[in-house]
Protein backbone atom coordinates (compact mmCIF):
# COMPACT_ATOMS: atom_id res chain seq x y z
CA MET A 1 0.03 -0.03 -0.14
CA GLY A 2 2.75 2.11 0.87
CA PHE A 3 4.93 1.77 -2.57
CA ASP A 4 1.94 1.97 -5.06
CA ILE A 5 -0.01 5.09 -4.72
CA ILE A 6 -0.16 8.74 -2.97
CA ASN A 7 -3.15 10.48 -3.00
CA ILE A 8 -3.23 13.85 -3.75
CA ASP A 9 -3.72 14.80 -0.40
CA TYR A 10 -1.26 12.64 1.18
CA PRO A 11 1.00 15.31 2.13
CA LEU A 12 -1.22 17.36 3.52
CA TRP A 13 -2.68 14.94 6.33
CA ASP A 14 0.85 13.65 6.83
CA ASN A 15 2.04 17.45 7.74
CA ARG A 16 -1.08 17.88 9.76
CA ALA A 17 -0.60 14.30 11.50
CA THR A 18 2.83 15.12 12.24
CA ASN A 19 2.38 18.45 13.59
CA PHE A 20 -0.95 16.95 15.71
CA PHE A 21 1.39 14.82 17.61
CA ILE A 22 4.06 17.47 17.86
CA TYR A 23 1.83 19.58 19.60
CA LEU A 24 0.19 17.13 21.58
CA LYS A 25 3.62 16.13 23.05
CA THR A 26 4.19 20.27 23.59
CA PHE A 27 0.95 20.71 25.52
CA ASN A 28 -0.05 23.16 22.81
CA PHE A 29 -3.17 21.57 22.93
CA ILE A 30 -5.26 24.76 20.99
CA GLU A 31 -2.55 24.02 17.21
CA THR A 32 -3.69 20.40 17.32
CA TYR A 33 -6.94 22.02 15.71
CA ARG A 34 -5.44 21.84 11.91
CA ALA A 35 -8.75 22.29 9.85
CA SER A 36 -12.30 22.79 9.72
CA HIS A 37 -13.27 19.52 8.85
CA PRO A 38 -11.59 18.50 11.40
CA GLY A 39 -9.83 14.97 10.72
CA VAL A 40 -9.12 14.63 14.18
CA SER A 41 -9.75 10.83 13.99
CA LEU A 42 -7.40 10.46 11.16
CA MET A 43 -4.56 12.41 12.73
CA TRP A 44 -5.27 10.22 15.71
CA VAL A 45 -4.32 6.91 13.82
CA GLY A 46 -2.29 8.75 11.32
CA GLY A 47 0.26 10.57 13.59
CA GLY A 48 0.18 7.42 16.19
CA ALA A 49 1.52 5.19 12.87
CA ILE A 50 4.22 8.25 12.18
CA GLU A 51 5.16 8.66 15.95
CA ILE A 52 5.76 4.85 16.37
CA PHE A 53 7.89 4.31 12.97
CA SER A 54 10.12 7.60 13.85
CA ARG A 55 10.87 6.02 17.41
CA LEU A 56 11.29 2.41 15.64
CA TYR A 57 13.40 4.00 13.11
CA GLU A 58 15.64 6.23 15.42
CA HIS A 59 16.05 2.91 17.60
CA PHE A 60 17.38 1.09 14.48
CA PHE A 61 19.49 3.47 13.03
CA GLN A 62 20.15 6.10 15.83
CA ALA A 63 18.92 9.03 13.69
CA LEU A 64 15.49 10.20 12.54
CA PRO A 65 14.16 9.34 9.30
CA VAL A 66 13.90 11.92 6.34
CA ILE A 67 10.24 12.22 5.48
CA ASN A 68 10.26 12.53 1.71
CA GLU A 69 13.80 9.92 1.19
CA TYR A 70 13.19 7.67 -1.62
CA ILE A 71 13.81 4.63 0.05
CA ILE A 72 12.24 5.52 3.46
CA PHE A 73 9.22 7.23 2.15
CA PRO A 74 7.30 4.15 1.04
CA TRP A 75 7.94 1.99 4.26
CA ARG A 76 6.51 5.17 6.37
CA SER A 77 3.65 5.60 4.34
CA LEU A 78 2.86 1.90 4.43
CA PHE A 79 2.95 2.17 8.17
CA ILE A 80 0.86 4.90 8.24
CA LYS A 81 -1.51 2.82 5.89
CA LEU A 82 -1.48 -0.36 7.79
CA ALA A 83 -2.86 1.63 11.03
CA LEU A 84 -5.78 3.36 8.77
CA VAL A 85 -6.23 -0.22 7.47
CA PHE A 86 -6.31 -1.93 10.79
CA SER A 87 -8.78 0.48 12.44
CA ILE A 88 -11.33 0.32 9.39
CA LEU A 89 -11.13 -3.70 9.28
CA PHE A 90 -11.57 -3.32 13.22
CA VAL A 91 -14.88 -1.45 12.85
CA TYR A 92 -16.10 -3.81 9.97
CA LEU A 93 -15.57 -6.54 12.31
CA LEU A 94 -17.82 -5.12 15.03
CA ALA A 95 -20.50 -4.26 12.07
CA ALA A 96 -20.02 -7.48 10.90
CA PHE A 97 -20.85 -8.69 14.94
CA LEU A 98 -23.51 -6.29 14.83
CA ILE A 99 -25.44 -7.38 11.38
CA SER A 100 -25.27 -11.16 13.18
CA ARG A 101 -27.11 -9.99 15.93
CA ILE A 102 -29.61 -7.72 14.16
CA PHE A 103 -30.08 -9.81 11.13
CA ASN A 104 -28.19 -13.34 10.77
CA LYS A 105 -24.64 -14.69 10.50
CA LYS A 106 -25.35 -15.26 6.62
CA SER A 107 -26.06 -11.73 5.68
CA ALA A 108 -22.77 -10.67 7.72
CA VAL A 109 -20.62 -12.98 5.96
CA LEU A 110 -21.87 -12.00 2.68
CA PHE A 111 -21.80 -7.96 3.68
CA PHE A 112 -18.03 -8.56 4.66
CA ILE A 113 -17.50 -10.23 1.41
CA PHE A 114 -18.93 -7.72 -0.74
CA LEU A 115 -17.68 -4.69 1.24
CA SER A 116 -13.86 -5.98 1.10
CA LEU A 117 -14.14 -6.62 -2.62
CA GLU A 118 -16.14 -3.35 -3.55
CA PRO A 119 -13.56 -1.68 -5.56
CA TYR A 120 -14.15 2.04 -4.80
CA VAL A 121 -14.50 1.20 -1.11
CA LEU A 122 -11.87 -0.41 -1.61
CA ALA A 123 -9.91 2.59 -3.20
CA HIS A 124 -10.59 4.81 -0.07
CA ASP A 125 -9.97 2.89 2.66
CA ARG A 126 -6.11 2.34 1.60
CA ILE A 127 -5.27 5.64 1.30
CA PHE A 128 -4.62 7.88 3.81
CA HIS A 129 -7.81 10.55 3.68
CA LEU A 130 -10.63 11.32 5.46
CA GLU A 131 -13.78 8.93 3.87
CA GLY A 132 -12.63 5.74 5.00
CA LEU A 133 -12.43 6.10 8.06
CA LEU A 134 -15.63 8.17 7.83
CA THR A 135 -17.78 5.93 6.45
CA ALA A 136 -16.97 3.11 8.92
CA PHE A 137 -17.55 5.18 12.04
CA ILE A 138 -21.02 6.51 10.64
CA PHE A 139 -22.14 3.50 9.32
CA VAL A 140 -21.13 1.11 12.57
CA SER A 141 -22.67 3.96 14.37
CA GLY A 142 -25.85 3.76 13.26
CA LEU A 143 -25.79 -0.19 13.66
CA PHE A 144 -25.24 0.49 17.41
CA SER A 145 -28.23 2.90 17.36
CA MET A 146 -30.46 0.40 16.08
CA TYR A 147 -29.16 -1.88 18.29
CA PHE A 148 -29.54 -0.26 21.54
CA TRP A 149 -33.62 0.72 20.42
CA LYS A 150 -33.80 -2.66 19.50
CA LYS A 151 -32.10 -4.28 23.08
CA LYS A 152 -32.16 -1.12 25.39
CA GLU A 153 -29.09 -2.06 26.70
CA LEU A 154 -26.74 0.74 28.07
CA LYS A 155 -23.38 -0.39 26.33
CA TYR A 156 -24.92 0.13 23.16
CA LEU A 157 -25.80 3.34 23.70
CA VAL A 158 -22.16 4.66 24.99
CA PHE A 159 -20.82 2.90 21.95
CA ALA A 160 -23.40 4.66 19.55
CA ALA A 161 -22.31 8.00 21.10
CA ILE A 162 -18.56 6.89 20.77
CA PHE A 163 -18.70 6.16 17.04
CA ALA A 164 -21.00 8.94 16.42
CA SER A 165 -18.58 11.39 18.17
CA PHE A 166 -15.58 10.02 15.98
CA SER A 167 -17.77 10.32 12.79
CA PHE A 168 -17.93 14.23 13.76
CA LEU A 169 -14.18 14.35 14.66
CA THR A 170 -13.25 12.53 11.41
CA LYS A 171 -15.65 15.33 9.62
CA THR A 172 -18.11 17.46 9.86
CA THR A 173 -20.72 15.65 7.75
CA GLY A 174 -20.36 13.22 10.08
CA ILE A 175 -22.83 14.79 12.59
CA PHE A 176 -25.37 12.57 10.53
CA ALA A 177 -24.69 9.84 12.69
CA PHE A 178 -25.69 11.75 15.58
CA LEU A 179 -28.67 12.72 14.05
CA PHE A 180 -29.12 9.44 13.11
CA PHE A 181 -29.59 8.05 16.60
CA PHE A 182 -32.94 9.76 17.00
CA LEU A 183 -34.39 8.67 13.60
CA CYS A 184 -33.57 5.37 14.99
CA ALA A 185 -36.19 6.15 17.98
CA VAL A 186 -38.95 7.20 15.92
CA VAL A 187 -38.66 4.56 13.89
CA MET A 188 -38.33 1.15 16.52
CA PHE A 189 -40.73 3.12 18.52
CA ASN A 190 -42.76 0.41 19.51
CA HIS A 191 -46.67 1.71 19.16
CA GLU A 192 -47.80 -1.42 21.35
CA LYS A 193 -46.09 -0.43 24.34
CA LYS A 194 -47.06 2.70 26.53
CA ILE A 195 -43.64 5.19 26.07
CA LEU A 196 -42.75 6.05 29.39
CA PHE A 197 -41.51 9.91 28.53
CA ARG A 198 -39.32 10.58 31.09
CA LYS A 199 -37.44 7.74 30.37
CA THR A 200 -37.19 8.27 26.94
CA LEU A 201 -35.99 11.82 27.19
CA ALA A 202 -33.22 10.81 29.98
CA VAL A 203 -31.96 8.61 26.95
CA PHE A 204 -31.86 11.14 24.62
CA LEU A 205 -29.91 13.93 27.14
CA GLY A 206 -27.94 10.75 27.93
CA PHE A 207 -26.75 10.11 24.42
CA VAL A 208 -26.10 13.73 23.88
CA PHE A 209 -23.97 14.34 27.16
CA LEU A 210 -21.74 11.03 25.84
CA PHE A 211 -21.35 12.50 22.68
CA CYS A 212 -20.24 16.03 23.71
CA PHE A 213 -18.30 14.38 26.41
CA PHE A 214 -16.15 12.37 23.34
CA VAL A 215 -15.85 14.49 21.22
CA PHE A 216 -14.51 17.06 24.18
CA MET A 217 -12.22 14.13 25.24
CA PHE A 218 -10.79 12.82 21.69
CA PHE A 219 -10.39 16.64 20.44
CA PRO A 220 -6.87 17.99 22.36
CA ALA A 221 -7.89 21.96 20.99
CA MET A 222 -11.46 21.75 23.07
CA TRP A 223 -9.83 20.98 26.02
CA VAL A 224 -8.10 24.79 26.11
CA SER A 225 -11.14 26.99 24.10
CA PRO A 226 -13.94 24.68 22.97
CA LEU A 227 -16.54 27.72 22.12
CA ASP A 228 -13.73 28.96 19.74
CA ILE A 229 -13.15 25.65 18.15
CA LEU A 230 -16.68 25.42 17.26
CA SER A 231 -16.75 28.53 15.92
CA ARG A 232 -13.58 28.16 13.94
CA MET A 233 -15.41 24.86 12.72
CA PHE A 234 -18.42 26.24 11.88
CA LEU A 235 -16.80 29.15 10.07
CA GLY A 236 -14.57 27.27 8.27
CA ASN A 237 -16.97 24.54 6.78
CA LEU A 238 -19.64 27.54 6.14
CA SER A 239 -17.04 29.32 3.63
CA LEU A 240 -16.25 25.86 2.15
CA LEU A 241 -19.95 25.52 1.62
CA GLU A 242 -20.80 28.96 -0.59
CA THR A 243 -17.21 28.45 -2.52
CA GLY A 244 -17.96 25.05 -4.11
CA HIS A 245 -15.56 22.94 -5.66
CA SER A 246 -14.62 22.71 -9.41
CA GLN A 247 -16.14 19.48 -10.59
CA TYR A 248 -16.14 18.36 -14.25
CA PHE A 249 -19.74 17.21 -15.34
CA LEU A 250 -21.87 16.79 -18.36
CA GLY A 251 -18.82 17.78 -20.66
CA ASN A 252 -18.00 21.15 -18.49
CA TRP A 253 -16.28 22.27 -15.39
CA SER A 254 -18.86 23.62 -13.01
CA ASP A 255 -18.64 24.64 -8.87
CA ASN A 256 -21.97 23.24 -8.24
CA PRO A 257 -22.84 20.00 -10.75
CA GLY A 258 -26.39 20.09 -9.23
CA LEU A 259 -28.53 17.00 -7.68
CA LEU A 260 -27.76 14.60 -10.68
CA PHE A 261 -24.17 14.16 -9.72
CA TYR A 262 -24.34 11.73 -7.43
CA PRO A 263 -26.54 9.84 -8.42
CA LEU A 264 -24.50 9.74 -11.69
CA VAL A 265 -21.04 9.42 -9.48
CA PHE A 266 -22.83 5.91 -7.62
CA LEU A 267 -23.57 4.63 -11.15
CA PHE A 268 -20.29 4.96 -12.73
CA LYS A 269 -18.28 4.05 -9.27
CA SER A 270 -20.22 0.47 -8.32
CA SER A 271 -19.56 -2.76 -9.14
CA PRO A 272 -22.11 -3.80 -11.76
CA ILE A 273 -23.67 -6.38 -9.21
CA LEU A 274 -24.36 -3.51 -7.08
CA THR A 275 -25.43 -1.46 -9.75
CA PHE A 276 -28.19 -4.09 -11.17
CA TRP A 277 -29.31 -4.85 -7.40
CA VAL A 278 -30.04 -1.43 -6.80
CA PHE A 279 -32.28 -1.41 -9.96
CA GLY A 280 -34.05 -4.53 -9.08
CA PHE A 281 -34.19 -3.44 -5.60
CA LEU A 282 -36.30 -0.69 -6.33
CA ALA A 283 -38.32 -1.87 -8.57
CA TYR A 284 -39.02 -4.66 -6.30
CA VAL A 285 -39.92 -1.83 -3.65
CA LEU A 286 -42.37 0.16 -5.96
CA TRP A 287 -43.74 -3.56 -6.99
CA LYS A 288 -44.42 -4.57 -3.15
CA LEU A 289 -45.90 -0.63 -2.38
CA GLY A 290 -48.81 -1.30 -4.89
CA VAL A 291 -49.48 -5.09 -3.61
CA VAL A 292 -49.14 -3.76 0.06
CA LYS A 293 -51.56 -0.80 -0.80
CA ARG A 294 -54.15 -3.72 -2.39
CA THR A 295 -53.43 -6.50 0.55
CA HIS A 296 -52.61 -4.37 3.23
CA LYS A 297 -49.98 -7.01 4.14
CA PHE A 298 -45.93 -6.51 4.04
CA SER A 299 -43.45 -8.62 5.73
CA ARG A 300 -42.45 -7.89 9.13
CA LYS A 301 -39.21 -9.32 9.55
CA ASN A 302 -36.85 -6.79 10.17
CA LEU A 303 -38.73 -4.39 8.71
CA LYS A 304 -37.55 -1.81 10.73
CA GLU A 305 -34.39 -2.44 10.42
CA LYS A 306 -34.46 -2.16 6.44
CA VAL A 307 -36.47 1.01 6.47
CA LEU A 308 -33.50 2.80 8.78
CA ILE A 309 -30.97 1.37 6.67
CA ILE A 310 -33.01 3.08 3.49
CA LEU A 311 -33.22 6.16 5.12
CA PHE A 312 -29.82 6.08 6.22
CA VAL A 313 -28.97 6.19 2.52
CA LEU A 314 -31.48 8.64 1.31
CA PHE A 315 -31.10 11.22 3.67
CA TYR A 316 -27.11 11.14 3.78
CA VAL A 317 -27.89 11.69 0.15
CA VAL A 318 -29.75 14.49 0.82
CA GLU A 319 -27.11 16.04 3.17
CA ILE A 320 -24.44 16.01 1.13
CA SER A 321 -26.55 16.84 -2.00
CA LEU A 322 -27.60 20.29 -0.12
CA SER A 323 -24.04 21.82 -0.15
CA PRO A 324 -22.65 23.09 -3.35
CA LYS A 325 -19.44 21.67 -2.89
CA LYS A 326 -19.36 17.99 -4.35
CA VAL A 327 -17.05 15.78 -4.76
CA PRO A 328 -17.20 12.12 -6.01
CA ARG A 329 -15.67 10.76 -2.96
CA TYR A 330 -18.19 12.24 -0.46
CA ILE A 331 -21.10 9.56 -1.73
CA LEU A 332 -18.77 6.41 0.05
CA PRO A 333 -20.62 6.37 3.67
CA ILE A 334 -23.54 5.27 1.43
CA TYR A 335 -22.04 2.10 0.44
CA PRO A 336 -21.99 -0.18 3.49
CA PRO A 337 -25.45 0.46 4.23
CA LEU A 338 -26.47 -0.48 0.23
CA LEU A 339 -24.29 -3.48 0.69
CA LEU A 340 -25.90 -4.63 3.95
CA LEU A 341 -29.28 -4.67 2.26
CA MET A 342 -28.03 -6.35 -1.12
CA SER A 343 -26.81 -9.00 1.32
CA ILE A 344 -29.88 -9.24 3.48
CA SER A 345 -31.78 -9.69 0.25
CA PHE A 346 -29.66 -11.98 -1.38
CA VAL A 347 -29.90 -14.34 2.14
CA GLU A 348 -33.58 -14.01 2.02
CA ILE A 349 -34.22 -15.32 -1.70
CA TYR A 350 -31.97 -17.68 -1.12
CA GLU A 351 -33.95 -19.04 2.08
CA LYS A 352 -37.24 -18.62 0.22
CA CYS A 353 -36.73 -20.42 -2.92
CA LYS A 354 -35.54 -23.72 -1.49
CA ASN A 355 -35.95 -25.34 -5.33
CA LEU A 356 -33.75 -22.56 -6.82
CA LYS A 357 -30.78 -23.13 -4.03
CA LYS A 358 -28.47 -24.82 -5.92
CA TYR A 359 -28.38 -21.77 -8.63
CA ILE A 360 -28.52 -18.73 -6.54
CA VAL A 361 -25.23 -20.35 -5.03
CA ILE A 362 -23.56 -20.45 -8.79
CA PHE A 363 -25.22 -16.80 -8.94
CA MET A 364 -23.27 -16.02 -5.86
CA PHE A 365 -20.37 -17.46 -6.81
CA LEU A 366 -20.09 -15.89 -9.89
CA ALA A 367 -20.90 -12.50 -8.33
CA VAL A 368 -18.26 -12.85 -5.81
CA LEU A 369 -15.82 -14.23 -8.36
CA SER A 370 -16.64 -11.06 -10.94
CA LEU A 371 -15.76 -8.53 -8.19
CA VAL A 372 -12.07 -10.38 -7.65
CA LEU A 373 -11.55 -10.45 -10.88
CA THR A 374 -12.44 -6.89 -11.41
CA VAL A 375 -10.06 -6.03 -8.12
CA HIS A 376 -7.58 -8.25 -9.67
CA LYS A 377 -7.85 -5.91 -13.07
CA THR A 378 -7.79 -2.50 -11.08
CA PHE A 379 -5.16 -2.87 -8.80
CA PRO A 380 -3.70 -0.65 -7.72
CA ASP A 381 -5.39 2.05 -9.45
CA PHE A 382 -8.53 1.35 -7.46
CA LEU A 383 -9.42 4.98 -7.20
CA ALA A 384 -9.88 5.33 -11.26
CA TYR A 385 -12.20 2.28 -11.25
CA THR A 386 -15.62 3.04 -13.14
CA ASN A 387 -17.94 0.48 -14.01
CA PRO A 388 -16.98 -1.37 -17.60
CA VAL A 389 -21.24 -1.95 -17.89
CA LEU A 390 -21.32 1.82 -18.30
CA GLY A 391 -18.68 2.23 -20.44
CA GLY A 392 -15.72 2.62 -18.06
CA MET A 393 -13.38 5.60 -17.93
CA LYS A 394 -13.96 6.54 -21.52
CA LYS A 395 -17.95 7.40 -20.90
CA ALA A 396 -17.05 8.74 -17.23
CA ASP A 397 -14.86 11.12 -18.95
CA TYR A 398 -17.91 13.39 -20.01
CA TYR A 399 -20.10 13.07 -17.07
CA ILE A 400 -18.33 12.79 -14.08
CA GLY A 401 -15.14 13.49 -15.44
CA ASN A 402 -11.84 11.12 -14.27
CA LYS A 403 -10.08 13.75 -12.17
CA HIS A 404 -6.85 12.65 -10.87
CA PHE A 405 -6.16 11.52 -6.70
CA GLY A 406 -3.04 10.18 -7.50
CA PHE A 407 -3.47 7.19 -9.13
CA GLY A 408 -0.86 5.90 -11.97
CA LEU A 409 1.86 7.77 -10.78
CA ARG A 410 4.15 5.16 -9.70
CA GLU A 411 4.31 3.58 -12.98
CA VAL A 412 5.67 7.25 -14.36
CA ALA A 413 7.67 7.39 -11.48
CA ASP A 414 9.56 4.17 -12.16
CA TYR A 415 9.58 4.75 -15.98
CA MET A 416 11.60 8.30 -15.23
CA ASN A 417 13.88 6.94 -12.39
CA LYS A 418 15.00 4.18 -15.38
CA LYS A 419 16.55 7.18 -17.90
CA PRO A 420 20.43 8.14 -17.65
CA TYR A 421 21.23 11.00 -14.43
CA ALA A 422 17.41 10.18 -13.04
CA ASN A 423 18.31 12.23 -9.97
CA GLU A 424 19.13 15.23 -11.81
CA ILE A 425 16.34 15.34 -14.04
CA LYS A 426 13.83 18.14 -13.44
CA LEU A 427 10.11 17.42 -13.95
CA ILE A 428 7.23 20.01 -13.99
CA PHE A 429 3.80 18.65 -12.82
CA ASP A 430 0.33 19.98 -10.92
CA GLY A 431 0.37 17.93 -7.75
CA ASP A 432 4.13 17.20 -7.45
CA GLY A 433 3.47 15.77 -4.03
CA SER A 434 1.79 12.53 -5.54
CA ILE A 435 4.70 11.82 -7.40
CA GLY A 436 7.92 13.19 -5.84
CA PRO A 437 8.47 10.40 -3.17
CA PHE A 438 8.76 8.14 -5.82
CA PHE A 439 10.80 10.18 -8.33
CA LEU A 440 14.59 10.25 -8.06
CA GLY A 441 14.99 13.69 -9.39
CA MET A 442 13.02 16.88 -8.54
CA SER A 443 9.37 17.58 -9.02
CA ARG A 444 8.07 21.03 -9.18
CA ASN A 445 4.36 22.11 -8.97
CA SER A 446 2.80 23.78 -12.18
CA THR A 447 0.94 26.04 -10.24
CA TYR A 448 3.30 27.77 -8.20
CA ILE A 449 6.68 27.38 -10.05
CA TYR A 450 8.61 31.11 -11.63
CA ARG A 451 7.57 30.84 -15.32
CA ASP A 452 10.60 31.26 -16.01
CA HIS A 453 11.93 27.65 -14.81
CA ILE A 454 9.69 26.06 -17.21
CA SER A 455 11.70 26.52 -20.33
CA THR A 456 14.53 25.25 -18.03
CA ALA A 457 12.36 21.97 -17.11
CA ASP A 458 13.08 18.48 -18.90
CA TYR A 459 9.83 17.08 -18.61
CA PHE A 460 5.94 18.02 -18.22
CA LEU A 461 3.30 15.71 -17.30
CA LEU A 462 -0.34 16.52 -17.35
CA PRO A 463 -3.45 14.34 -17.22
CA TYR A 464 -5.20 13.96 -20.40
CA TYR A 465 -8.09 16.47 -19.23
CA LEU A 466 -5.47 19.80 -19.49
CA LEU A 467 -3.99 18.93 -22.38
CA ASP A 468 -5.99 22.23 -23.95
CA THR A 469 -6.59 24.15 -20.95
CA ASP A 470 -3.66 24.06 -18.63
CA ALA A 471 -2.19 27.65 -19.04
CA MET A 472 1.29 26.93 -18.46
CA TYR A 473 1.69 24.02 -20.85
CA LEU A 474 0.16 25.97 -23.81
CA GLU A 475 2.17 29.23 -23.24
CA TYR A 476 5.60 26.95 -23.75
CA LYS A 477 3.95 23.90 -26.00
CA LYS A 478 6.56 25.00 -28.40
CA ASP A 479 9.44 23.95 -25.97
CA PHE A 480 7.89 20.28 -25.48
CA VAL A 481 7.47 17.22 -27.25
CA LEU A 482 5.20 14.39 -26.59
CA GLU A 483 7.39 11.06 -25.32
CA LYS A 484 5.14 8.54 -23.71
CA VAL A 485 1.31 8.22 -22.99
CA PHE A 486 0.80 6.05 -19.73
CA ASN A 487 -2.71 4.26 -19.19
CA VAL A 488 -4.67 3.78 -16.57
CA ASN A 489 -6.69 1.20 -16.63
CA SER A 490 -6.76 0.89 -20.14
CA TYR A 491 -7.32 4.55 -20.73
CA PRO A 492 -4.42 6.69 -21.87
CA TYR A 493 -4.32 9.27 -18.83
CA TRP A 494 -0.91 10.81 -17.96
CA TYR A 495 0.80 12.29 -21.05
CA LEU A 496 4.58 13.25 -20.70
CA PHE A 497 6.19 15.56 -22.81
CA ARG A 498 10.37 15.66 -23.23
CA ASN A 499 11.84 19.40 -24.01
CA VAL A 500 12.99 19.55 -27.08
CA ARG A 501 16.77 20.37 -26.39
CA ILE A 502 17.09 16.96 -24.88
CA GLU A 503 18.32 14.45 -27.22
């Protein structure tokens, strides 16, 4: 994991996580506030891994590691990502346990298999960024909330609050986990039993208190000035909401792609099996609603829990759609609940259709096999995955774009490193942090470099979608000639241009 990809925001979060622990050790707690996200959970996990790696390196080599050193960096990156992956794995194992209790063991096993092989989920679970942790925390908090209202046991209330606080500390959109607890109370309410207002109010207040307590406990900046930190988080997120985010959509760049953006992202980023299941499930629900309207009968088995999972997906999509800032990865938290519903439905079909069990098993085997083959074919560029049924990256280019997030750059770096005097090569690239640690030469970001440095550069690297729009490249185009095109998932993506003065 540390040797194949550096997501474009990796250097940013590496710096934040490193500084987080520096300020923690020096008791400068207020400075542990690094961003309005606020990304605290990621900094605890990543910063802790960095700290352990540094201490181990110092113990064995009697020196502190040089962060961007060509040999050291991949191992350091691997250490960070392993900490992140094992944290996410632990959370999903908890989720599988809860699923086995709320539904059944077959659904739990099937869910875990599908989740582990869903390409877009896998992509974000193995990079140093927020969405992987956020998705795991929100999902398991939702399951604990559901299970608490089913069992009414205090320990599940505490765990629901803990993971809701972790969700919020990872990213402010994680406040959804906090609100979902109250939605569970409404849906899971048993109308056949007399409601005890005081007892329910006590539960609500207890959950709010626990949520606030854990947010305060795990965010050191809160120990110093909680109101100021909350104000900075609010104002920071408000400014992000107002500015939007440049995104390629339906053939044009837009700061607010609109309501169709996330549905299209889901279609292009999901596996074929999940895509087909969603359409089949929607058709089934519409048909079932028609049947219920006529017969007034509906299967009661785990009905409330299924309704909650559906509401989880719908309300989360609404939450992220309200903001003009829309980024494909923001949709990631809807994948676990959808994969859970898919697993439950397959198990129910298997148990109801006794004469077709053999064929259902064969179908499930083929579905899992197709996912395994997809993962094998896409490795290591999972972030570039697009649904092959919809035309892959070629079709996705028009509908949602193929904006790079660091994928494919290890291959470019390996190619450059084989050149004579590779350590003296000067490369211009907008996003040098994603290639620099793999590259023996010098990489510079075209966004910040001085113009007189362009003509003296040896190489210029561009993604295909900037060939006609990058101002720097267009201005100095006459000085460069195309040397090689690098494919990502069989799609021509990176264009490497050589300075004409180089033989």
